[in-house]
Amino acid sequence: MQADFWFDPACPWAWLTSRWILEVEQVRDVQVSWQIMSLAYLNSNKEVSEQYKAKLLAAWGPVRIICAAKAAHGDSVVLPLYNAYGDLIHLQKNEISVELHELVLAQVGLPAELAAVATDMAWDEAVKLSHHAGMDQVGNDVGTPVIAVAGAAFFGPVISPAPKGEAAGKLWDGVLACAQYPGFFELKRSRTVGPIFD
């Protein structure tokens, strides 16, 4: 079974869901293809705080770099780049910066010159194209992550912490069952914890 997973490296909730779906690949017959979306683009016409606006401006960098790297080196670089960004941003608590981009590229073995793409708006159309490929399937009221599988697409699941082993597989079975029912739209409760990275 092929699944597409849309993420923004800046989102801690997408990071947790990505760790879950990597576990799912180990216990279910699922192969994940990794795609970027952009929280900065998604929120570009929305009223947000000045603090969040600054974070969104910085968040353009990783998605532009991943788009450019994918164009030059193929799909196989997307997950390693995401893994490196996620580790440095969410686990090691680094801010998005030129130095961070250079460190990520070095870790993945890609040319340091790609760091300059972070501020290159010429890549925004490619970002938007990838973004819309995922987000247009689920509508305007959601963010990241988005998963498309077996003719169904959905936002989430938003989880903390990410389950492992067979627990990850059971959650996948339930999410997939809900998503494949055409009349199913929402299952939600208030969050009682923040992102738990273990």
N, C-alpha and C. Protein backbone atom coordinates (compact mmCIF):
# COMPACT_ATOMS: atom_id res chain seq x y z
N MET A 1 0.84 -1.18 0.00
CA MET A 1 0.00 0.00 0.00
C MET A 1 0.88 1.24 0.00
N GLN A 2 0.59 2.16 -0.90
CA GLN A 2 1.36 3.39 -1.01
C GLN A 2 0.66 4.50 -0.22
N ALA A 3 1.41 5.21 0.59
CA ALA A 3 0.87 6.36 1.32
C ALA A 3 1.75 7.57 1.04
N ASP A 4 1.13 8.72 0.86
CA ASP A 4 1.86 9.98 0.72
C ASP A 4 1.67 10.79 1.99
N PHE A 5 2.76 11.37 2.45
CA PHE A 5 2.77 12.09 3.73
C PHE A 5 3.29 13.50 3.48
N TRP A 6 2.44 14.52 3.71
CA TRP A 6 2.84 15.91 3.54
C TRP A 6 3.21 16.51 4.89
N PHE A 7 4.36 17.16 4.94
CA PHE A 7 4.88 17.70 6.20
C PHE A 7 5.52 19.06 5.97
N ASP A 8 5.56 19.83 7.04
CA ASP A 8 6.42 21.01 7.11
C ASP A 8 7.42 20.71 8.23
N PRO A 9 8.73 20.79 7.95
CA PRO A 9 9.72 20.44 8.98
C PRO A 9 9.60 21.26 10.25
N ALA A 10 8.96 22.43 10.18
CA ALA A 10 8.85 23.29 11.36
C ALA A 10 7.78 22.83 12.35
N CYS A 11 6.90 21.90 11.95
CA CYS A 11 5.77 21.52 12.79
C CYS A 11 6.10 20.35 13.70
N PRO A 12 6.04 20.54 15.02
CA PRO A 12 6.34 19.43 15.94
C PRO A 12 5.31 18.31 15.89
N TRP A 13 4.06 18.65 15.60
CA TRP A 13 3.01 17.62 15.53
C TRP A 13 3.19 16.74 14.30
N ALA A 14 3.55 17.33 13.18
CA ALA A 14 3.85 16.53 11.98
C ALA A 14 5.05 15.63 12.24
N TRP A 15 6.03 16.14 12.97
CA TRP A 15 7.21 15.34 13.30
C TRP A 15 6.81 14.09 14.09
N LEU A 16 5.96 14.26 15.09
CA LEU A 16 5.51 13.10 15.87
C LEU A 16 4.75 12.11 15.00
N THR A 17 3.88 12.61 14.14
CA THR A 17 3.12 11.71 13.26
C THR A 17 4.04 11.00 12.28
N SER A 18 5.08 11.68 11.84
CA SER A 18 6.04 11.05 10.93
C SER A 18 6.79 9.92 11.61
N ARG A 19 7.10 10.08 12.89
CA ARG A 19 7.79 9.01 13.64
C ARG A 19 6.86 7.80 13.77
N TRP A 20 5.56 8.08 13.93
CA TRP A 20 4.57 7.01 14.00
C TRP A 20 4.49 6.26 12.67
N ILE A 21 4.39 6.99 11.56
CA ILE A 21 4.19 6.29 10.29
C ILE A 21 5.45 5.53 9.87
N LEU A 22 6.62 5.96 10.33
CA LEU A 22 7.82 5.16 10.10
C LEU A 22 7.72 3.82 10.84
N GLU A 23 7.13 3.85 12.02
CA GLU A 23 6.87 2.60 12.76
C GLU A 23 5.84 1.74 12.01
N VAL A 24 4.82 2.40 11.46
CA VAL A 24 3.78 1.68 10.72
C VAL A 24 4.41 0.92 9.55
N GLU A 25 5.36 1.53 8.88
CA GLU A 25 6.03 0.85 7.75
C GLU A 25 6.67 -0.47 8.19
N GLN A 26 7.06 -0.56 9.45
CA GLN A 26 7.72 -1.76 9.95
C GLN A 26 6.74 -2.89 10.28
N VAL A 27 5.48 -2.53 10.56
CA VAL A 27 4.52 -3.55 11.03
C VAL A 27 3.31 -3.73 10.11
N ARG A 28 3.20 -2.92 9.08
CA ARG A 28 2.13 -3.06 8.10
C ARG A 28 2.73 -2.95 6.70
N ASP A 29 1.98 -3.43 5.72
CA ASP A 29 2.47 -3.40 4.33
C ASP A 29 2.19 -2.03 3.72
N VAL A 30 2.95 -1.06 4.17
CA VAL A 30 2.78 0.33 3.74
C VAL A 30 4.13 0.90 3.35
N GLN A 31 4.17 1.62 2.23
CA GLN A 31 5.38 2.32 1.83
C GLN A 31 5.03 3.80 1.71
N VAL A 32 5.80 4.64 2.39
CA VAL A 32 5.50 6.07 2.48
C VAL A 32 6.35 6.86 1.51
N SER A 33 5.70 7.77 0.81
CA SER A 33 6.38 8.75 -0.04
C SER A 33 6.24 10.11 0.64
N TRP A 34 7.34 10.82 0.75
CA TRP A 34 7.40 12.05 1.56
C TRP A 34 7.29 13.28 0.68
N GLN A 35 6.37 14.19 1.07
CA GLN A 35 6.09 15.41 0.30
C GLN A 35 6.09 16.61 1.25
N ILE A 36 6.43 17.77 0.74
CA ILE A 36 6.37 18.95 1.60
C ILE A 36 5.09 19.75 1.37
N MET A 37 4.65 20.37 2.45
CA MET A 37 3.65 21.43 2.39
C MET A 37 4.29 22.61 3.13
N SER A 38 3.64 23.75 3.14
CA SER A 38 4.22 24.92 3.77
C SER A 38 3.23 25.60 4.70
N LEU A 39 3.57 25.62 5.99
CA LEU A 39 2.75 26.36 6.95
C LEU A 39 2.81 27.86 6.67
N ALA A 40 3.94 28.33 6.18
CA ALA A 40 4.08 29.76 5.85
C ALA A 40 3.11 30.14 4.73
N TYR A 41 3.05 29.31 3.71
CA TYR A 41 2.13 29.56 2.60
C TYR A 41 0.68 29.40 3.07
N LEU A 42 0.41 28.36 3.84
CA LEU A 42 -0.95 28.10 4.34
C LEU A 42 -1.49 29.28 5.13
N ASN A 43 -0.63 29.92 5.90
CA ASN A 43 -1.04 31.02 6.79
C ASN A 43 -0.77 32.40 6.22
N SER A 44 -0.38 32.48 4.95
CA SER A 44 0.06 33.76 4.38
C SER A 44 -1.03 34.83 4.36
N ASN A 45 -2.28 34.44 4.31
CA ASN A 45 -3.37 35.43 4.29
C ASN A 45 -4.19 35.43 5.58
N LYS A 46 -3.61 34.88 6.64
CA LYS A 46 -4.34 34.79 7.91
C LYS A 46 -3.75 35.74 8.94
N GLU A 47 -4.60 36.15 9.87
CA GLU A 47 -4.14 36.99 10.98
C GLU A 47 -3.42 36.11 11.98
N VAL A 48 -2.12 36.34 12.16
CA VAL A 48 -1.34 35.59 13.14
C VAL A 48 -0.50 36.57 13.95
N SER A 49 -0.03 36.13 15.11
CA SER A 49 0.78 37.01 15.95
C SER A 49 2.11 37.33 15.27
N GLU A 50 2.73 38.42 15.69
CA GLU A 50 4.02 38.82 15.12
C GLU A 50 5.07 37.74 15.38
N GLN A 51 5.01 37.12 16.54
CA GLN A 51 5.97 36.07 16.88
C GLN A 51 5.82 34.87 15.93
N TYR A 52 4.56 34.48 15.69
CA TYR A 52 4.33 33.35 14.78
C TYR A 52 4.68 33.73 13.35
N LYS A 53 4.43 34.98 12.98
CA LYS A 53 4.76 35.46 11.64
C LYS A 53 6.26 35.32 11.37
N ALA A 54 7.07 35.63 12.38
CA ALA A 54 8.53 35.51 12.24
C ALA A 54 8.93 34.05 12.07
N LYS A 55 8.27 33.16 12.82
CA LYS A 55 8.57 31.72 12.68
C LYS A 55 8.17 31.22 11.29
N LEU A 56 7.04 31.71 10.79
CA LEU A 56 6.60 31.29 9.46
C LEU A 56 7.56 31.77 8.38
N LEU A 57 8.09 32.97 8.54
CA LEU A 57 9.06 33.50 7.56
C LEU A 57 10.28 32.59 7.49
N ALA A 58 10.78 32.18 8.66
CA ALA A 58 11.93 31.27 8.71
C ALA A 58 11.58 29.90 8.14
N ALA A 59 10.32 29.49 8.30
CA ALA A 59 9.90 28.15 7.87
C ALA A 59 9.91 27.96 6.35
N TRP A 60 9.98 29.07 5.61
CA TRP A 60 10.12 28.93 4.15
C TRP A 60 11.43 28.23 3.80
N GLY A 61 12.48 28.46 4.58
CA GLY A 61 13.80 27.95 4.25
C GLY A 61 13.87 26.44 4.05
N PRO A 62 13.47 25.64 5.05
CA PRO A 62 13.57 24.19 4.88
C PRO A 62 12.75 23.65 3.71
N VAL A 63 11.54 24.17 3.50
CA VAL A 63 10.72 23.61 2.41
C VAL A 63 11.30 23.97 1.05
N ARG A 64 11.85 25.17 0.92
CA ARG A 64 12.50 25.53 -0.35
C ARG A 64 13.71 24.63 -0.60
N ILE A 65 14.51 24.42 0.43
CA ILE A 65 15.70 23.59 0.29
C ILE A 65 15.33 22.15 -0.06
N ILE A 66 14.32 21.61 0.59
CA ILE A 66 13.91 20.23 0.29
C ILE A 66 13.40 20.13 -1.14
N CYS A 67 12.63 21.13 -1.59
CA CYS A 67 12.15 21.13 -2.98
C CYS A 67 13.31 21.16 -3.96
N ALA A 68 14.28 22.02 -3.71
CA ALA A 68 15.43 22.15 -4.61
C ALA A 68 16.27 20.88 -4.59
N ALA A 69 16.46 20.31 -3.42
CA ALA A 69 17.25 19.08 -3.30
C ALA A 69 16.56 17.92 -4.01
N LYS A 70 15.25 17.85 -3.87
CA LYS A 70 14.48 16.79 -4.54
C LYS A 70 14.58 16.93 -6.05
N ALA A 71 14.49 18.17 -6.55
CA ALA A 71 14.59 18.41 -7.98
C ALA A 71 15.96 18.01 -8.52
N ALA A 72 17.00 18.24 -7.74
CA ALA A 72 18.36 17.97 -8.19
C ALA A 72 18.81 16.53 -7.93
N HIS A 73 18.32 15.94 -6.85
CA HIS A 73 18.87 14.64 -6.42
C HIS A 73 17.83 13.53 -6.28
N GLY A 74 16.56 13.84 -6.50
CA GLY A 74 15.53 12.80 -6.49
C GLY A 74 14.82 12.65 -5.15
N ASP A 75 13.78 11.83 -5.17
CA ASP A 75 12.93 11.63 -4.00
C ASP A 75 13.68 11.08 -2.79
N SER A 76 14.75 10.34 -3.04
CA SER A 76 15.42 9.64 -1.94
C SER A 76 16.06 10.59 -0.92
N VAL A 77 16.21 11.87 -1.25
CA VAL A 77 16.83 12.80 -0.29
C VAL A 77 15.81 13.44 0.65
N VAL A 78 14.51 13.29 0.35
CA VAL A 78 13.50 14.02 1.12
C VAL A 78 13.45 13.54 2.57
N LEU A 79 13.31 12.25 2.79
CA LEU A 79 13.23 11.76 4.17
C LEU A 79 14.51 12.02 4.96
N PRO A 80 15.70 11.78 4.42
CA PRO A 80 16.90 12.11 5.19
C PRO A 80 16.98 13.59 5.57
N LEU A 81 16.56 14.47 4.66
CA LEU A 81 16.54 15.91 4.99
C LEU A 81 15.53 16.18 6.10
N TYR A 82 14.35 15.59 5.99
CA TYR A 82 13.34 15.77 7.03
C TYR A 82 13.83 15.24 8.38
N ASN A 83 14.44 14.07 8.36
CA ASN A 83 14.97 13.50 9.60
C ASN A 83 15.99 14.43 10.24
N ALA A 84 16.87 14.99 9.43
CA ALA A 84 17.91 15.88 9.96
C ALA A 84 17.30 17.17 10.49
N TYR A 85 16.40 17.78 9.72
CA TYR A 85 15.73 18.99 10.21
C TYR A 85 14.95 18.72 11.49
N GLY A 86 14.17 17.63 11.49
CA GLY A 86 13.35 17.32 12.65
C GLY A 86 14.17 17.10 13.90
N ASP A 87 15.26 16.37 13.76
CA ASP A 87 16.13 16.11 14.91
C ASP A 87 16.69 17.41 15.46
N LEU A 88 17.18 18.26 14.57
CA LEU A 88 17.82 19.51 15.02
C LEU A 88 16.81 20.54 15.54
N ILE A 89 15.64 20.60 14.92
CA ILE A 89 14.64 21.59 15.33
C ILE A 89 13.86 21.13 16.56
N HIS A 90 13.33 19.91 16.51
CA HIS A 90 12.41 19.47 17.56
C HIS A 90 13.09 18.79 18.73
N LEU A 91 14.12 18.02 18.47
CA LEU A 91 14.78 17.31 19.56
C LEU A 91 15.91 18.13 20.19
N GLN A 92 16.69 18.79 19.33
CA GLN A 92 17.82 19.57 19.85
C GLN A 92 17.50 21.05 20.04
N LYS A 93 16.27 21.45 19.66
CA LYS A 93 15.75 22.80 19.92
C LYS A 93 16.55 23.92 19.25
N ASN A 94 17.03 23.68 18.03
CA ASN A 94 17.72 24.70 17.26
C ASN A 94 16.72 25.58 16.52
N GLU A 95 17.02 26.85 16.42
CA GLU A 95 16.21 27.76 15.61
C GLU A 95 16.58 27.56 14.14
N ILE A 96 15.63 27.84 13.26
CA ILE A 96 15.91 27.76 11.82
C ILE A 96 16.80 28.94 11.45
N SER A 97 17.94 28.63 10.83
CA SER A 97 18.94 29.65 10.48
C SER A 97 19.79 29.14 9.34
N VAL A 98 20.64 30.01 8.81
CA VAL A 98 21.59 29.62 7.76
C VAL A 98 22.48 28.50 8.27
N GLU A 99 22.93 28.63 9.52
CA GLU A 99 23.82 27.62 10.10
C GLU A 99 23.11 26.27 10.20
N LEU A 100 21.83 26.30 10.53
CA LEU A 100 21.06 25.06 10.62
C LEU A 100 20.96 24.40 9.24
N HIS A 101 20.66 25.18 8.21
CA HIS A 101 20.57 24.64 6.86
C HIS A 101 21.89 23.99 6.46
N GLU A 102 22.99 24.67 6.75
CA GLU A 102 24.31 24.14 6.38
C GLU A 102 24.60 22.84 7.13
N LEU A 103 24.21 22.78 8.39
CA LEU A 103 24.42 21.57 9.18
C LEU A 103 23.60 20.41 8.64
N VAL A 104 22.33 20.67 8.32
CA VAL A 104 21.45 19.64 7.75
C VAL A 104 22.03 19.11 6.45
N LEU A 105 22.44 20.00 5.57
CA LEU A 105 22.97 19.58 4.28
C LEU A 105 24.25 18.76 4.45
N ALA A 106 25.09 19.16 5.39
CA ALA A 106 26.32 18.40 5.66
C ALA A 106 25.98 17.01 6.18
N GLN A 107 25.01 16.92 7.07
CA GLN A 107 24.62 15.62 7.63
C GLN A 107 24.10 14.67 6.55
N VAL A 108 23.39 15.23 5.59
CA VAL A 108 22.78 14.40 4.53
C VAL A 108 23.74 14.18 3.37
N GLY A 109 24.84 14.94 3.34
CA GLY A 109 25.82 14.79 2.26
C GLY A 109 25.44 15.50 0.99
N LEU A 110 24.74 16.61 1.12
CA LEU A 110 24.35 17.41 -0.03
C LEU A 110 25.18 18.69 -0.09
N PRO A 111 25.30 19.31 -1.28
CA PRO A 111 26.14 20.50 -1.42
C PRO A 111 25.71 21.65 -0.51
N ALA A 112 26.68 22.28 0.12
CA ALA A 112 26.42 23.40 1.04
C ALA A 112 25.75 24.57 0.32
N GLU A 113 25.96 24.67 -0.99
CA GLU A 113 25.38 25.78 -1.76
C GLU A 113 23.85 25.77 -1.72
N LEU A 114 23.27 24.61 -1.44
CA LEU A 114 21.81 24.54 -1.36
C LEU A 114 21.25 25.40 -0.23
N ALA A 115 22.07 25.76 0.74
CA ALA A 115 21.60 26.60 1.85
C ALA A 115 21.09 27.95 1.35
N ALA A 116 21.65 28.42 0.25
CA ALA A 116 21.24 29.72 -0.32
C ALA A 116 19.80 29.69 -0.83
N VAL A 117 19.28 28.50 -1.11
CA VAL A 117 17.91 28.36 -1.60
C VAL A 117 16.90 28.79 -0.54
N ALA A 118 17.30 28.78 0.73
CA ALA A 118 16.38 29.12 1.83
C ALA A 118 15.68 30.45 1.62
N THR A 119 16.35 31.40 0.98
CA THR A 119 15.78 32.73 0.76
C THR A 119 15.43 32.98 -0.70
N ASP A 120 15.49 31.93 -1.52
CA ASP A 120 15.26 32.07 -2.96
C ASP A 120 13.79 31.84 -3.29
N MET A 121 13.06 32.93 -3.52
CA MET A 121 11.63 32.84 -3.78
C MET A 121 11.31 32.16 -5.11
N ALA A 122 12.32 31.92 -5.93
CA ALA A 122 12.09 31.23 -7.20
C ALA A 122 11.58 29.80 -6.96
N TRP A 123 11.83 29.25 -5.77
CA TRP A 123 11.37 27.90 -5.45
C TRP A 123 9.95 27.87 -4.88
N ASP A 124 9.35 29.03 -4.68
CA ASP A 124 8.04 29.06 -4.05
C ASP A 124 6.95 28.39 -4.88
N GLU A 125 7.05 28.46 -6.20
CA GLU A 125 6.03 27.81 -7.03
C GLU A 125 6.09 26.30 -6.87
N ALA A 126 7.30 25.75 -6.77
CA ALA A 126 7.45 24.31 -6.56
C ALA A 126 6.90 23.92 -5.19
N VAL A 127 7.16 24.76 -4.19
CA VAL A 127 6.62 24.51 -2.84
C VAL A 127 5.10 24.51 -2.90
N LYS A 128 4.53 25.51 -3.55
CA LYS A 128 3.07 25.62 -3.62
C LYS A 128 2.45 24.44 -4.38
N LEU A 129 3.11 23.98 -5.42
CA LEU A 129 2.61 22.84 -6.19
C LEU A 129 2.53 21.59 -5.31
N SER A 130 3.59 21.32 -4.56
CA SER A 130 3.60 20.17 -3.65
C SER A 130 2.55 20.36 -2.55
N HIS A 131 2.49 21.57 -2.02
CA HIS A 131 1.53 21.90 -0.97
C HIS A 131 0.10 21.60 -1.42
N HIS A 132 -0.26 22.11 -2.60
CA HIS A 132 -1.64 21.93 -3.09
C HIS A 132 -1.95 20.48 -3.43
N ALA A 133 -0.95 19.72 -3.84
CA ALA A 133 -1.18 18.31 -4.16
C ALA A 133 -1.72 17.57 -2.94
N GLY A 134 -1.28 17.98 -1.76
CA GLY A 134 -1.79 17.36 -0.54
C GLY A 134 -2.98 18.09 0.05
N MET A 135 -2.85 19.39 0.23
CA MET A 135 -3.86 20.15 0.95
C MET A 135 -5.19 20.26 0.21
N ASP A 136 -5.15 20.27 -1.11
CA ASP A 136 -6.40 20.36 -1.86
C ASP A 136 -7.27 19.12 -1.67
N GLN A 137 -6.69 18.03 -1.22
CA GLN A 137 -7.45 16.80 -0.98
C GLN A 137 -8.23 16.85 0.33
N VAL A 138 -7.83 17.74 1.23
CA VAL A 138 -8.44 17.74 2.57
C VAL A 138 -9.15 19.04 2.94
N GLY A 139 -9.02 20.08 2.14
CA GLY A 139 -9.73 21.33 2.42
C GLY A 139 -8.89 22.34 3.17
N ASN A 140 -9.54 23.44 3.57
CA ASN A 140 -8.84 24.60 4.11
C ASN A 140 -8.75 24.65 5.63
N ASP A 141 -9.40 23.76 6.32
CA ASP A 141 -9.51 23.89 7.77
C ASP A 141 -8.46 23.08 8.53
N VAL A 142 -7.41 22.64 7.86
CA VAL A 142 -6.42 21.78 8.49
C VAL A 142 -5.01 22.29 8.22
N GLY A 143 -4.05 21.63 8.83
CA GLY A 143 -2.64 21.97 8.63
C GLY A 143 -1.86 20.73 8.24
N THR A 144 -0.75 20.51 8.92
CA THR A 144 0.10 19.37 8.64
C THR A 144 0.17 18.48 9.88
N PRO A 145 0.26 17.18 9.73
CA PRO A 145 0.48 16.42 8.49
C PRO A 145 -0.81 16.09 7.75
N VAL A 146 -0.64 15.79 6.47
CA VAL A 146 -1.72 15.23 5.66
C VAL A 146 -1.22 13.92 5.10
N ILE A 147 -2.06 12.91 5.16
CA ILE A 147 -1.73 11.59 4.62
C ILE A 147 -2.77 11.23 3.57
N ALA A 148 -2.32 10.75 2.42
CA ALA A 148 -3.21 10.24 1.38
C ALA A 148 -2.87 8.77 1.17
N VAL A 149 -3.90 7.92 1.22
CA VAL A 149 -3.69 6.48 1.07
C VAL A 149 -4.97 5.83 0.55
N ALA A 150 -4.83 4.93 -0.40
CA ALA A 150 -5.95 4.13 -0.89
C ALA A 150 -7.18 4.96 -1.25
N GLY A 151 -6.96 6.08 -1.92
CA GLY A 151 -8.07 6.90 -2.38
C GLY A 151 -8.66 7.83 -1.33
N ALA A 152 -8.10 7.83 -0.13
CA ALA A 152 -8.58 8.71 0.94
C ALA A 152 -7.45 9.62 1.40
N ALA A 153 -7.79 10.81 1.84
CA ALA A 153 -6.79 11.73 2.38
C ALA A 153 -7.35 12.34 3.65
N PHE A 154 -6.47 12.63 4.61
CA PHE A 154 -6.91 13.16 5.89
C PHE A 154 -5.79 13.93 6.57
N PHE A 155 -6.18 14.82 7.44
CA PHE A 155 -5.25 15.55 8.31
C PHE A 155 -5.01 14.70 9.56
N GLY A 156 -3.74 14.63 9.97
CA GLY A 156 -3.42 13.92 11.21
C GLY A 156 -2.96 12.50 10.95
N PRO A 157 -3.04 11.68 11.98
CA PRO A 157 -3.53 11.98 13.32
C PRO A 157 -2.54 12.83 14.11
N VAL A 158 -3.09 13.65 15.00
CA VAL A 158 -2.28 14.46 15.92
C VAL A 158 -2.11 13.61 17.18
N ILE A 159 -0.88 13.20 17.44
CA ILE A 159 -0.61 12.25 18.52
C ILE A 159 0.60 12.68 19.35
N SER A 160 0.60 12.29 20.60
CA SER A 160 1.75 12.57 21.47
C SER A 160 1.68 11.64 22.69
N PRO A 161 2.67 10.80 22.86
CA PRO A 161 3.83 10.54 21.99
C PRO A 161 3.45 9.62 20.84
N ALA A 162 4.39 9.37 19.94
CA ALA A 162 4.15 8.48 18.80
C ALA A 162 4.23 7.03 19.27
N PRO A 163 3.19 6.23 18.99
CA PRO A 163 3.24 4.82 19.40
C PRO A 163 4.27 4.04 18.59
N LYS A 164 4.72 2.95 19.18
CA LYS A 164 5.73 2.12 18.53
C LYS A 164 5.20 0.70 18.33
N GLY A 165 5.86 -0.04 17.44
CA GLY A 165 5.55 -1.45 17.23
C GLY A 165 4.10 -1.69 16.84
N GLU A 166 3.52 -2.74 17.40
CA GLU A 166 2.16 -3.12 17.04
C GLU A 166 1.14 -2.06 17.45
N ALA A 167 1.45 -1.28 18.49
CA ALA A 167 0.54 -0.17 18.87
C ALA A 167 0.43 0.83 17.72
N ALA A 168 1.54 1.07 17.02
CA ALA A 168 1.51 1.95 15.85
C ALA A 168 0.66 1.34 14.75
N GLY A 169 0.79 0.03 14.56
CA GLY A 169 0.00 -0.65 13.54
C GLY A 169 -1.49 -0.62 13.84
N LYS A 170 -1.86 -0.79 15.09
CA LYS A 170 -3.28 -0.76 15.45
C LYS A 170 -3.88 0.63 15.24
N LEU A 171 -3.11 1.66 15.57
CA LEU A 171 -3.60 3.02 15.32
C LEU A 171 -3.78 3.24 13.82
N TRP A 172 -2.83 2.76 13.03
CA TRP A 172 -2.95 2.87 11.57
C TRP A 172 -4.22 2.18 11.08
N ASP A 173 -4.49 0.98 11.57
CA ASP A 173 -5.68 0.24 11.14
C ASP A 173 -6.95 1.07 11.41
N GLY A 174 -7.01 1.68 12.60
CA GLY A 174 -8.18 2.47 12.95
C GLY A 174 -8.31 3.74 12.13
N VAL A 175 -7.20 4.44 11.96
CA VAL A 175 -7.20 5.67 11.16
C VAL A 175 -7.60 5.37 9.72
N LEU A 176 -7.04 4.30 9.18
CA LEU A 176 -7.35 3.93 7.79
C LEU A 176 -8.83 3.57 7.63
N ALA A 177 -9.36 2.84 8.60
CA ALA A 177 -10.79 2.47 8.55
C ALA A 177 -11.68 3.71 8.55
N CYS A 178 -11.36 4.68 9.40
CA CYS A 178 -12.14 5.92 9.44
C CYS A 178 -12.01 6.68 8.13
N ALA A 179 -10.77 6.84 7.66
CA ALA A 179 -10.52 7.66 6.46
C ALA A 179 -11.17 7.09 5.22
N GLN A 180 -11.31 5.78 5.15
CA GLN A 180 -11.85 5.17 3.93
C GLN A 180 -13.38 5.21 3.87
N TYR A 181 -14.03 5.60 4.97
CA TYR A 181 -15.49 5.75 4.94
C TYR A 181 -15.82 7.12 4.35
N PRO A 182 -16.51 7.19 3.21
CA PRO A 182 -16.70 8.47 2.52
C PRO A 182 -17.38 9.55 3.36
N GLY A 183 -18.24 9.16 4.27
CA GLY A 183 -18.97 10.15 5.06
C GLY A 183 -18.29 10.54 6.35
N PHE A 184 -17.08 10.05 6.58
CA PHE A 184 -16.37 10.37 7.82
C PHE A 184 -15.60 11.67 7.66
N PHE A 185 -15.77 12.61 8.60
CA PHE A 185 -15.10 13.90 8.48
C PHE A 185 -14.24 14.27 9.67
N GLU A 186 -14.66 13.96 10.88
CA GLU A 186 -13.90 14.49 12.00
C GLU A 186 -14.05 13.61 13.24
N LEU A 187 -12.94 13.47 13.95
CA LEU A 187 -12.89 12.81 15.25
C LEU A 187 -11.88 13.61 16.04
N LYS A 188 -12.29 14.27 17.13
CA LYS A 188 -11.39 15.21 17.78
C LYS A 188 -11.69 15.32 19.25
N ARG A 189 -10.63 15.61 20.03
CA ARG A 189 -10.78 16.00 21.43
C ARG A 189 -9.67 16.98 21.77
N SER A 190 -9.85 17.72 22.85
CA SER A 190 -8.87 18.73 23.23
C SER A 190 -7.55 18.07 23.62
N ARG A 191 -6.45 18.71 23.25
CA ARG A 191 -5.13 18.21 23.61
C ARG A 191 -4.88 18.43 25.09
N THR A 192 -4.37 17.42 25.75
CA THR A 192 -4.05 17.53 27.18
C THR A 192 -2.55 17.53 27.43
N VAL A 193 -1.76 17.27 26.39
CA VAL A 193 -0.30 17.31 26.49
C VAL A 193 0.27 17.99 25.27
N GLY A 194 1.49 18.48 25.40
CA GLY A 194 2.22 19.02 24.26
C GLY A 194 2.96 17.91 23.56
N PRO A 195 3.78 18.25 22.56
CA PRO A 195 4.55 17.23 21.86
C PRO A 195 5.52 16.52 22.81
N ILE A 196 5.45 15.20 22.84
CA ILE A 196 6.35 14.40 23.67
C ILE A 196 7.29 13.66 22.75
N PHE A 197 8.54 14.08 22.74
CA PHE A 197 9.56 13.45 21.89
C PHE A 197 10.37 12.50 22.77
N ASP A 198 10.12 11.20 22.62
CA ASP A 198 10.91 10.27 23.44
C ASP A 198 11.79 9.39 22.59
